[in-house]
Amino acid sequence: MAIVGCSNDSMHANAKFAQDNQFDFPLLSDTDLKVAVAYGAAEDASAPKAKRIAALIDENGKIAKIYRDLKPADFPATVLADVKKDEL
């Protein structure tokens, strides 16, 4: 299992955010919103920013579940509970 974050902020801003929050996983920079559009976090590349979502991707690279409308503090526990439940 791997955890990867993605934000439309710059690499510099993401690096600082990851360091400030002591992330132990990579936080990728998607400034052109290509990843955000592909996962439905932004309507198109002209969006001012991406919506906060999480995607649970299975061992075959398929999206098992998309999480929307979760509070940031709830994301980790919710996703980890689903991983443990489904053993993805």
PDB file of N, CA and C in Angstrom:
ATOM      1  N   MET A   1       0.846  -1.162   0.000  1.00  0.00           N
ATOM      2  CA  MET A   1       0.000   0.000   0.000  1.00  0.00           C
ATOM      3  C   MET A   1       0.894   1.228   0.000  1.00  0.00           C
ATOM      4  N   ALA A   2       0.476   2.241  -0.741  1.00  0.00           N
ATOM      5  CA  ALA A   2       1.219   3.495  -0.785  1.00  0.00           C
ATOM      6  C   ALA A   2       0.247   4.657  -0.637  1.00  0.00           C
ATOM      7  N   ILE A   3       0.668   5.691   0.032  1.00  0.00           N
ATOM      8  CA  ILE A   3      -0.120   6.908   0.171  1.00  0.00           C
ATOM      9  C   ILE A   3       0.618   8.005  -0.573  1.00  0.00           C
ATOM     10  N   VAL A   4      -0.122   8.713  -1.410  1.00  0.00           N
ATOM     11  CA  VAL A   4       0.427   9.830  -2.165  1.00  0.00           C
ATOM     12  C   VAL A   4      -0.599  10.952  -2.133  1.00  0.00           C
ATOM     13  N   GLY A   5      -0.149  12.146  -1.860  1.00  0.00           N
ATOM     14  CA  GLY A   5      -1.025  13.309  -1.910  1.00  0.00           C
ATOM     15  C   GLY A   5      -0.783  14.079  -3.185  1.00  0.00           C
ATOM     16  N   CYS A   6      -1.755  14.866  -3.586  1.00  0.00           N
ATOM     17  CA  CYS A   6      -1.626  15.676  -4.798  1.00  0.00           C
ATOM     18  C   CYS A   6      -2.374  16.975  -4.574  1.00  0.00           C
ATOM     19  N   SER A   7      -1.739  18.075  -4.904  1.00  0.00           N
ATOM     20  CA  SER A   7      -2.324  19.396  -4.718  1.00  0.00           C
ATOM     21  C   SER A   7      -2.014  20.246  -5.940  1.00  0.00           C
ATOM     22  N   ASN A   8      -2.862  21.244  -6.193  1.00  0.00           N
ATOM     23  CA  ASN A   8      -2.561  22.121  -7.323  1.00  0.00           C
ATOM     24  C   ASN A   8      -1.664  23.290  -6.924  1.00  0.00           C
ATOM     25  N   ASP A   9      -1.147  23.256  -5.699  1.00  0.00           N
ATOM     26  CA  ASP A   9      -0.176  24.263  -5.279  1.00  0.00           C
ATOM     27  C   ASP A   9       1.182  23.957  -5.902  1.00  0.00           C
ATOM     28  N   SER A  10       2.067  24.932  -5.849  1.00  0.00           N
ATOM     29  CA  SER A  10       3.404  24.769  -6.427  1.00  0.00           C
ATOM     30  C   SER A  10       4.210  23.726  -5.651  1.00  0.00           C
ATOM     31  N   MET A  11       5.277  23.251  -6.274  1.00  0.00           N
ATOM     32  CA  MET A  11       6.155  22.279  -5.605  1.00  0.00           C
ATOM     33  C   MET A  11       6.699  22.864  -4.307  1.00  0.00           C
ATOM     34  N   HIS A  12       7.096  24.137  -4.347  1.00  0.00           N
ATOM     35  CA  HIS A  12       7.651  24.791  -3.158  1.00  0.00           C
ATOM     36  C   HIS A  12       6.607  24.855  -2.041  1.00  0.00           C
ATOM     37  N   ALA A  13       5.389  25.273  -2.377  1.00  0.00           N
ATOM     38  CA  ALA A  13       4.323  25.367  -1.373  1.00  0.00           C
ATOM     39  C   ALA A  13       3.990  23.979  -0.815  1.00  0.00           C
ATOM     40  N   ASN A  14       3.947  22.969  -1.683  1.00  0.00           N
ATOM     41  CA  ASN A  14       3.650  21.607  -1.228  1.00  0.00           C
ATOM     42  C   ASN A  14       4.743  21.067  -0.322  1.00  0.00           C
ATOM     43  N   ALA A  15       5.986  21.344  -0.664  1.00  0.00           N
ATOM     44  CA  ALA A  15       7.104  20.871   0.159  1.00  0.00           C
ATOM     45  C   ALA A  15       7.024  21.479   1.555  1.00  0.00           C
ATOM     46  N   LYS A  16       6.726  22.772   1.631  1.00  0.00           N
ATOM     47  CA  LYS A  16       6.592  23.440   2.928  1.00  0.00           C
ATOM     48  C   LYS A  16       5.396  22.874   3.701  1.00  0.00           C
ATOM     49  N   PHE A  17       4.258  22.704   3.022  1.00  0.00           N
ATOM     50  CA  PHE A  17       3.060  22.160   3.665  1.00  0.00           C
ATOM     51  C   PHE A  17       3.327  20.757   4.201  1.00  0.00           C
ATOM     52  N   ALA A  18       3.976  19.929   3.400  1.00  0.00           N
ATOM     53  CA  ALA A  18       4.292  18.551   3.819  1.00  0.00           C
ATOM     54  C   ALA A  18       5.232  18.552   5.016  1.00  0.00           C
ATOM     55  N   GLN A  19       6.225  19.427   4.981  1.00  0.00           N
ATOM     56  CA  GLN A  19       7.172  19.504   6.096  1.00  0.00           C
ATOM     57  C   GLN A  19       6.476  20.028   7.356  1.00  0.00           C
ATOM     58  N   ASP A  20       5.684  21.081   7.211  1.00  0.00           N
ATOM     59  CA  ASP A  20       4.981  21.660   8.358  1.00  0.00           C
ATOM     60  C   ASP A  20       4.035  20.655   9.004  1.00  0.00           C
ATOM     61  N   ASN A  21       3.455  19.769   8.195  1.00  0.00           N
ATOM     62  CA  ASN A  21       2.484  18.795   8.694  1.00  0.00           C
ATOM     63  C   ASN A  21       3.090  17.415   8.924  1.00  0.00           C
ATOM     64  N   GLN A  22       4.404  17.325   8.760  1.00  0.00           N
ATOM     65  CA  GLN A  22       5.163  16.094   9.005  1.00  0.00           C
ATOM     66  C   GLN A  22       4.608  14.901   8.236  1.00  0.00           C
ATOM     67  N   PHE A  23       4.282  15.132   6.952  1.00  0.00           N
ATOM     68  CA  PHE A  23       3.811  14.035   6.110  1.00  0.00           C
ATOM     69  C   PHE A  23       4.947  13.045   5.901  1.00  0.00           C
ATOM     70  N   ASP A  24       4.634  11.766   5.948  1.00  0.00           N
ATOM     71  CA  ASP A  24       5.629  10.743   5.649  1.00  0.00           C
ATOM     72  C   ASP A  24       5.303  10.078   4.316  1.00  0.00           C
ATOM     73  N   PHE A  25       4.678  10.850   3.429  1.00  0.00           N
ATOM     74  CA  PHE A  25       4.350  10.391   2.084  1.00  0.00           C
ATOM     75  C   PHE A  25       4.551  11.557   1.125  1.00  0.00           C
ATOM     76  N   PRO A  26       4.753  11.271  -0.158  1.00  0.00           N
ATOM     77  CA  PRO A  26       4.966  12.339  -1.125  1.00  0.00           C
ATOM     78  C   PRO A  26       3.705  13.168  -1.354  1.00  0.00           C
ATOM     79  N   LEU A  27       3.892  14.459  -1.569  1.00  0.00           N
ATOM     80  CA  LEU A  27       2.810  15.369  -1.931  1.00  0.00           C
ATOM     81  C   LEU A  27       3.165  15.956  -3.294  1.00  0.00           C
ATOM     82  N   LEU A  28       2.463  15.494  -4.310  1.00  0.00           N
ATOM     83  CA  LEU A  28       2.752  15.873  -5.683  1.00  0.00           C
ATOM     84  C   LEU A  28       2.109  17.207  -6.041  1.00  0.00           C
ATOM     85  N   SER A  29       2.693  17.887  -7.012  1.00  0.00           N
ATOM     86  CA  SER A  29       2.196  19.179  -7.461  1.00  0.00           C
ATOM     87  C   SER A  29       1.517  19.029  -8.822  1.00  0.00           C
ATOM     88  N   ASP A  30       0.269  19.450  -8.902  1.00  0.00           N
ATOM     89  CA  ASP A  30      -0.557  19.346 -10.108  1.00  0.00           C
ATOM     90  C   ASP A  30      -1.009  20.745 -10.531  1.00  0.00           C
ATOM     91  N   THR A  31      -0.057  21.612 -10.840  1.00  0.00           N
ATOM     92  CA  THR A  31      -0.391  23.011 -11.113  1.00  0.00           C
ATOM     93  C   THR A  31      -1.227  23.200 -12.375  1.00  0.00           C
ATOM     94  N   ASP A  32      -1.177  22.250 -13.302  1.00  0.00           N
ATOM     95  CA  ASP A  32      -1.993  22.380 -14.518  1.00  0.00           C
ATOM     96  C   ASP A  32      -3.344  21.663 -14.390  1.00  0.00           C
ATOM     97  N   LEU A  33      -3.614  21.097 -13.219  1.00  0.00           N
ATOM     98  CA  LEU A  33      -4.876  20.426 -12.879  1.00  0.00           C
ATOM     99  C   LEU A  33      -5.200  19.199 -13.729  1.00  0.00           C
ATOM    100  N   LYS A  34      -4.220  18.622 -14.387  1.00  0.00           N
ATOM    101  CA  LYS A  34      -4.478  17.418 -15.189  1.00  0.00           C
ATOM    102  C   LYS A  34      -4.939  16.253 -14.318  1.00  0.00           C
ATOM    103  N   VAL A  35      -4.288  16.055 -13.198  1.00  0.00           N
ATOM    104  CA  VAL A  35      -4.679  14.968 -12.289  1.00  0.00           C
ATOM    105  C   VAL A  35      -6.038  15.284 -11.671  1.00  0.00           C
ATOM    106  N   ALA A  36      -6.240  16.524 -11.266  1.00  0.00           N
ATOM    107  CA  ALA A  36      -7.514  16.937 -10.658  1.00  0.00           C
ATOM    108  C   ALA A  36      -8.679  16.711 -11.620  1.00  0.00           C
ATOM    109  N   VAL A  37      -8.503  17.053 -12.878  1.00  0.00           N
ATOM    110  CA  VAL A  37      -9.558  16.841 -13.876  1.00  0.00           C
ATOM    111  C   VAL A  37      -9.795  15.343 -14.080  1.00  0.00           C
ATOM    112  N   ALA A  38      -8.726  14.574 -14.168  1.00  0.00           N
ATOM    113  CA  ALA A  38      -8.848  13.128 -14.399  1.00  0.00           C
ATOM    114  C   ALA A  38      -9.608  12.433 -13.272  1.00  0.00           C
ATOM    115  N   TYR A  39      -9.455  12.907 -12.036  1.00  0.00           N
ATOM    116  CA  TYR A  39     -10.113  12.286 -10.891  1.00  0.00           C
ATOM    117  C   TYR A  39     -11.409  12.991 -10.489  1.00  0.00           C
ATOM    118  N   GLY A  40     -11.802  13.994 -11.239  1.00  0.00           N
ATOM    119  CA  GLY A  40     -13.053  14.685 -10.939  1.00  0.00           C
ATOM    120  C   GLY A  40     -12.969  15.697  -9.819  1.00  0.00           C
ATOM    121  N   ALA A  41     -11.778  16.120  -9.461  1.00  0.00           N
ATOM    122  CA  ALA A  41     -11.611  17.127  -8.419  1.00  0.00           C
ATOM    123  C   ALA A  41     -11.709  18.536  -8.983  1.00  0.00           C
ATOM    124  N   ALA A  42     -11.691  18.659 -10.301  1.00  0.00           N
ATOM    125  CA  ALA A  42     -11.861  19.953 -10.974  1.00  0.00           C
ATOM    126  C   ALA A  42     -12.617  19.708 -12.277  1.00  0.00           C
ATOM    127  N   GLU A  43     -13.483  20.647 -12.613  1.00  0.00           N
ATOM    128  CA  GLU A  43     -14.279  20.520 -13.842  1.00  0.00           C
ATOM    129  C   GLU A  43     -13.384  20.557 -15.081  1.00  0.00           C
ATOM    130  N   ASP A  44     -12.436  21.488 -15.066  1.00  0.00           N
ATOM    131  CA  ASP A  44     -11.508  21.626 -16.188  1.00  0.00           C
ATOM    132  C   ASP A  44     -10.273  22.371 -15.707  1.00  0.00           C
ATOM    133  N   ALA A  45      -9.314  22.515 -16.596  1.00  0.00           N
ATOM    134  CA  ALA A  45      -8.022  23.110 -16.218  1.00  0.00           C
ATOM    135  C   ALA A  45      -8.118  24.596 -15.896  1.00  0.00           C
ATOM    136  N   SER A  46      -9.254  25.240 -16.204  1.00  0.00           N
ATOM    137  CA  SER A  46      -9.403  26.665 -15.895  1.00  0.00           C
ATOM    138  C   SER A  46      -9.972  26.895 -14.487  1.00  0.00           C
ATOM    139  N   ALA A  47     -10.264  25.828 -13.760  1.00  0.00           N
ATOM    140  CA  ALA A  47     -10.797  25.966 -12.398  1.00  0.00           C
ATOM    141  C   ALA A  47      -9.766  26.682 -11.523  1.00  0.00           C
ATOM    142  N   PRO A  48     -10.228  27.509 -10.596  1.00  0.00           N
ATOM    143  CA  PRO A  48      -9.271  28.224  -9.739  1.00  0.00           C
ATOM    144  C   PRO A  48      -8.463  27.300  -8.837  1.00  0.00           C
ATOM    145  N   LYS A  49      -9.063  26.207  -8.427  1.00  0.00           N
ATOM    146  CA  LYS A  49      -8.342  25.207  -7.635  1.00  0.00           C
ATOM    147  C   LYS A  49      -9.144  23.912  -7.637  1.00  0.00           C
ATOM    148  N   ALA A  50      -8.498  22.852  -7.210  1.00  0.00           N
ATOM    149  CA  ALA A  50      -9.154  21.547  -7.148  1.00  0.00           C
ATOM    150  C   ALA A  50      -9.939  21.416  -5.847  1.00  0.00           C
ATOM    151  N   LYS A  51     -10.996  20.615  -5.908  1.00  0.00           N
ATOM    152  CA  LYS A  51     -11.747  20.279  -4.698  1.00  0.00           C
ATOM    153  C   LYS A  51     -10.962  19.226  -3.930  1.00  0.00           C
ATOM    154  N   ARG A  52     -11.180  19.175  -2.639  1.00  0.00           N
ATOM    155  CA  ARG A  52     -10.491  18.173  -1.833  1.00  0.00           C
ATOM    156  C   ARG A  52     -11.253  16.853  -1.941  1.00  0.00           C
ATOM    157  N   ILE A  53     -10.592  15.867  -2.494  1.00  0.00           N
ATOM    158  CA  ILE A  53     -11.140  14.514  -2.588  1.00  0.00           C
ATOM    159  C   ILE A  53     -10.027  13.531  -2.242  1.00  0.00           C
ATOM    160  N   ALA A  54     -10.399  12.299  -2.071  1.00  0.00           N
ATOM    161  CA  ALA A  54      -9.416  11.226  -1.921  1.00  0.00           C
ATOM    162  C   ALA A  54      -9.865  10.070  -2.791  1.00  0.00           C
ATOM    163  N   ALA A  55      -8.916   9.365  -3.353  1.00  0.00           N
ATOM    164  CA  ALA A  55      -9.217   8.187  -4.170  1.00  0.00           C
ATOM    165  C   ALA A  55      -8.496   6.993  -3.578  1.00  0.00           C
ATOM    166  N   LEU A  56      -9.229   5.926  -3.405  1.00  0.00           N
ATOM    167  CA  LEU A  56      -8.657   4.663  -2.952  1.00  0.00           C
ATOM    168  C   LEU A  56      -8.465   3.818  -4.199  1.00  0.00           C
ATOM    169  N   ILE A  57      -7.218   3.491  -4.502  1.00  0.00           N
ATOM    170  CA  ILE A  57      -6.878   2.768  -5.727  1.00  0.00           C
ATOM    171  C   ILE A  57      -6.399   1.378  -5.339  1.00  0.00           C
ATOM    172  N   ASP A  58      -6.984   0.358  -5.980  1.00  0.00           N
ATOM    173  CA  ASP A  58      -6.653  -1.013  -5.603  1.00  0.00           C
ATOM    174  C   ASP A  58      -5.320  -1.459  -6.192  1.00  0.00           C
ATOM    175  N   GLU A  59      -4.936  -2.685  -5.868  1.00  0.00           N
ATOM    176  CA  GLU A  59      -3.633  -3.217  -6.298  1.00  0.00           C
ATOM    177  C   GLU A  59      -3.511  -3.364  -7.807  1.00  0.00           C
ATOM    178  N   ASN A  60      -4.630  -3.291  -8.521  1.00  0.00           N
ATOM    179  CA  ASN A  60      -4.604  -3.372  -9.994  1.00  0.00           C
ATOM    180  C   ASN A  60      -4.633  -2.002 -10.652  1.00  0.00           C
ATOM    181  N   GLY A  61      -4.572  -0.946  -9.841  1.00  0.00           N
ATOM    182  CA  GLY A  61      -4.570   0.409 -10.375  1.00  0.00           C
ATOM    183  C   GLY A  61      -5.950   0.943 -10.693  1.00  0.00           C
ATOM    184  N   LYS A  62      -6.989   0.265 -10.252  1.00  0.00           N
ATOM    185  CA  LYS A  62      -8.366   0.713 -10.501  1.00  0.00           C
ATOM    186  C   LYS A  62      -8.883   1.478  -9.288  1.00  0.00           C
ATOM    187  N   ILE A  63      -9.691   2.488  -9.553  1.00  0.00           N
ATOM    188  CA  ILE A  63     -10.274   3.265  -8.465  1.00  0.00           C
ATOM    189  C   ILE A  63     -11.327   2.422  -7.766  1.00  0.00           C
ATOM    190  N   ALA A  64     -11.101   2.157  -6.480  1.00  0.00           N
ATOM    191  CA  ALA A  64     -12.043   1.370  -5.688  1.00  0.00           C
ATOM    192  C   ALA A  64     -13.114   2.263  -5.072  1.00  0.00           C
ATOM    193  N   LYS A  65     -12.741   3.500  -4.730  1.00  0.00           N
ATOM    194  CA  LYS A  65     -13.692   4.400  -4.097  1.00  0.00           C
ATOM    195  C   LYS A  65     -13.170   5.830  -4.181  1.00  0.00           C
ATOM    196  N   ILE A  66     -14.086   6.761  -4.392  1.00  0.00           N
ATOM    197  CA  ILE A  66     -13.763   8.194  -4.354  1.00  0.00           C
ATOM    198  C   ILE A  66     -14.448   8.778  -3.130  1.00  0.00           C
ATOM    199  N   TYR A  67     -13.720   9.567  -2.383  1.00  0.00           N
ATOM    200  CA  TYR A  67     -14.255  10.222  -1.186  1.00  0.00           C
ATOM    201  C   TYR A  67     -14.423  11.709  -1.482  1.00  0.00           C
ATOM    202  N   ARG A  68     -15.623  12.215  -1.272  1.00  0.00           N
ATOM    203  CA  ARG A  68     -15.923  13.637  -1.461  1.00  0.00           C
ATOM    204  C   ARG A  68     -16.594  14.152  -0.185  1.00  0.00           C
ATOM    205  N   ASP A  69     -16.494  15.417   0.029  1.00  0.00           N
ATOM    206  CA  ASP A  69     -17.202  16.065   1.135  1.00  0.00           C
ATOM    207  C   ASP A  69     -16.820  15.541   2.511  1.00  0.00           C
ATOM    208  N   LEU A  70     -15.593  15.128   2.673  1.00  0.00           N
ATOM    209  CA  LEU A  70     -15.098  14.755   3.997  1.00  0.00           C
ATOM    210  C   LEU A  70     -14.325  15.929   4.581  1.00  0.00           C
ATOM    211  N   LYS A  71     -14.393  16.083   5.868  1.00  0.00           N
ATOM    212  CA  LYS A  71     -13.564  17.080   6.526  1.00  0.00           C
ATOM    213  C   LYS A  71     -12.120  16.591   6.485  1.00  0.00           C
ATOM    214  N   PRO A  72     -11.155  17.499   6.291  1.00  0.00           N
ATOM    215  CA  PRO A  72      -9.753  17.077   6.213  1.00  0.00           C
ATOM    216  C   PRO A  72      -9.322  16.186   7.376  1.00  0.00           C
ATOM    217  N   ALA A  73      -9.787  16.485   8.573  1.00  0.00           N
ATOM    218  CA  ALA A  73      -9.386  15.691   9.738  1.00  0.00           C
ATOM    219  C   ALA A  73      -9.951  14.271   9.678  1.00  0.00           C
ATOM    220  N   ASP A  74     -11.031  14.066   8.920  1.00  0.00           N
ATOM    221  CA  ASP A  74     -11.661  12.747   8.833  1.00  0.00           C
ATOM    222  C   ASP A  74     -11.091  11.868   7.720  1.00  0.00           C
ATOM    223  N   PHE A  75     -10.397  12.467   6.762  1.00  0.00           N
ATOM    224  CA  PHE A  75      -9.898  11.704   5.620  1.00  0.00           C
ATOM    225  C   PHE A  75      -9.074  10.487   6.030  1.00  0.00           C
ATOM    226  N   PRO A  76      -8.020  10.664   6.824  1.00  0.00           N
ATOM    227  CA  PRO A  76      -7.157   9.506   7.118  1.00  0.00           C
ATOM    228  C   PRO A  76      -7.898   8.343   7.760  1.00  0.00           C
ATOM    229  N   ALA A  77      -8.675   8.612   8.799  1.00  0.00           N
ATOM    230  CA  ALA A  77      -9.356   7.528   9.509  1.00  0.00           C
ATOM    231  C   ALA A  77     -10.376   6.824   8.620  1.00  0.00           C
ATOM    232  N   THR A  78     -11.105   7.590   7.823  1.00  0.00           N
ATOM    233  CA  THR A  78     -12.118   7.012   6.939  1.00  0.00           C
ATOM    234  C   THR A  78     -11.488   6.118   5.883  1.00  0.00           C
ATOM    235  N   VAL A  79     -10.452   6.617   5.228  1.00  0.00           N
ATOM    236  CA  VAL A  79      -9.800   5.842   4.176  1.00  0.00           C
ATOM    237  C   VAL A  79      -9.121   4.601   4.762  1.00  0.00           C
ATOM    238  N   LEU A  80      -8.415   4.759   5.870  1.00  0.00           N
ATOM    239  CA  LEU A  80      -7.743   3.610   6.480  1.00  0.00           C
ATOM    240  C   LEU A  80      -8.737   2.549   6.942  1.00  0.00           C
ATOM    241  N   ALA A  81      -9.892   2.963   7.435  1.00  0.00           N
ATOM    242  CA  ALA A  81     -10.911   1.991   7.838  1.00  0.00           C
ATOM    243  C   ALA A  81     -11.383   1.181   6.635  1.00  0.00           C
ATOM    244  N   ASP A  82     -11.560   1.848   5.488  1.00  0.00           N
ATOM    245  CA  ASP A  82     -11.974   1.136   4.282  1.00  0.00           C
ATOM    246  C   ASP A  82     -10.887   0.197   3.774  1.00  0.00           C
ATOM    247  N   VAL A  83      -9.646   0.619   3.880  1.00  0.00           N
ATOM    248  CA  VAL A  83      -8.542  -0.247   3.455  1.00  0.00           C
ATOM    249  C   VAL A  83      -8.524  -1.506   4.313  1.00  0.00           C
ATOM    250  N   LYS A  84      -8.645  -1.338   5.596  1.00  0.00           N
ATOM    251  CA  LYS A  84      -8.634  -2.498   6.497  1.00  0.00           C
ATOM    252  C   LYS A  84      -9.846  -3.397   6.257  1.00  0.00           C
ATOM    253  N   LYS A  85     -10.995  -2.765   6.021  1.00  0.00           N
ATOM    254  CA  LYS A  85     -12.230  -3.541   5.809  1.00  0.00           C
ATOM    255  C   LYS A  85     -12.170  -4.352   4.518  1.00  0.00           C
ATOM    256  N   ASP A  86     -11.687  -3.706   3.468  1.00  0.00           N
ATOM    257  CA  ASP A  86     -11.649  -4.359   2.144  1.00  0.00           C
ATOM    258  C   ASP A  86     -10.326  -5.034   1.843  1.00  0.00           C
ATOM    259  N   GLU A  87      -9.327  -4.814   2.713  1.00  0.00           N
ATOM    260  CA  GLU A  87      -7.995  -5.382   2.514  1.00  0.00           C
ATOM    261  C   GLU A  87      -7.462  -5.081   1.129  1.00  0.00           C
ATOM    262  N   LEU A  88      -7.526  -3.788   0.733  1.00  0.00           N
ATOM    263  CA  LEU A  88      -7.005  -3.371  -0.581  1.00  0.00           C
ATOM    264  C   LEU A  88      -5.522  -3.169  -0.499  1.00  0.00           C
TER     265      LEU A  88
END
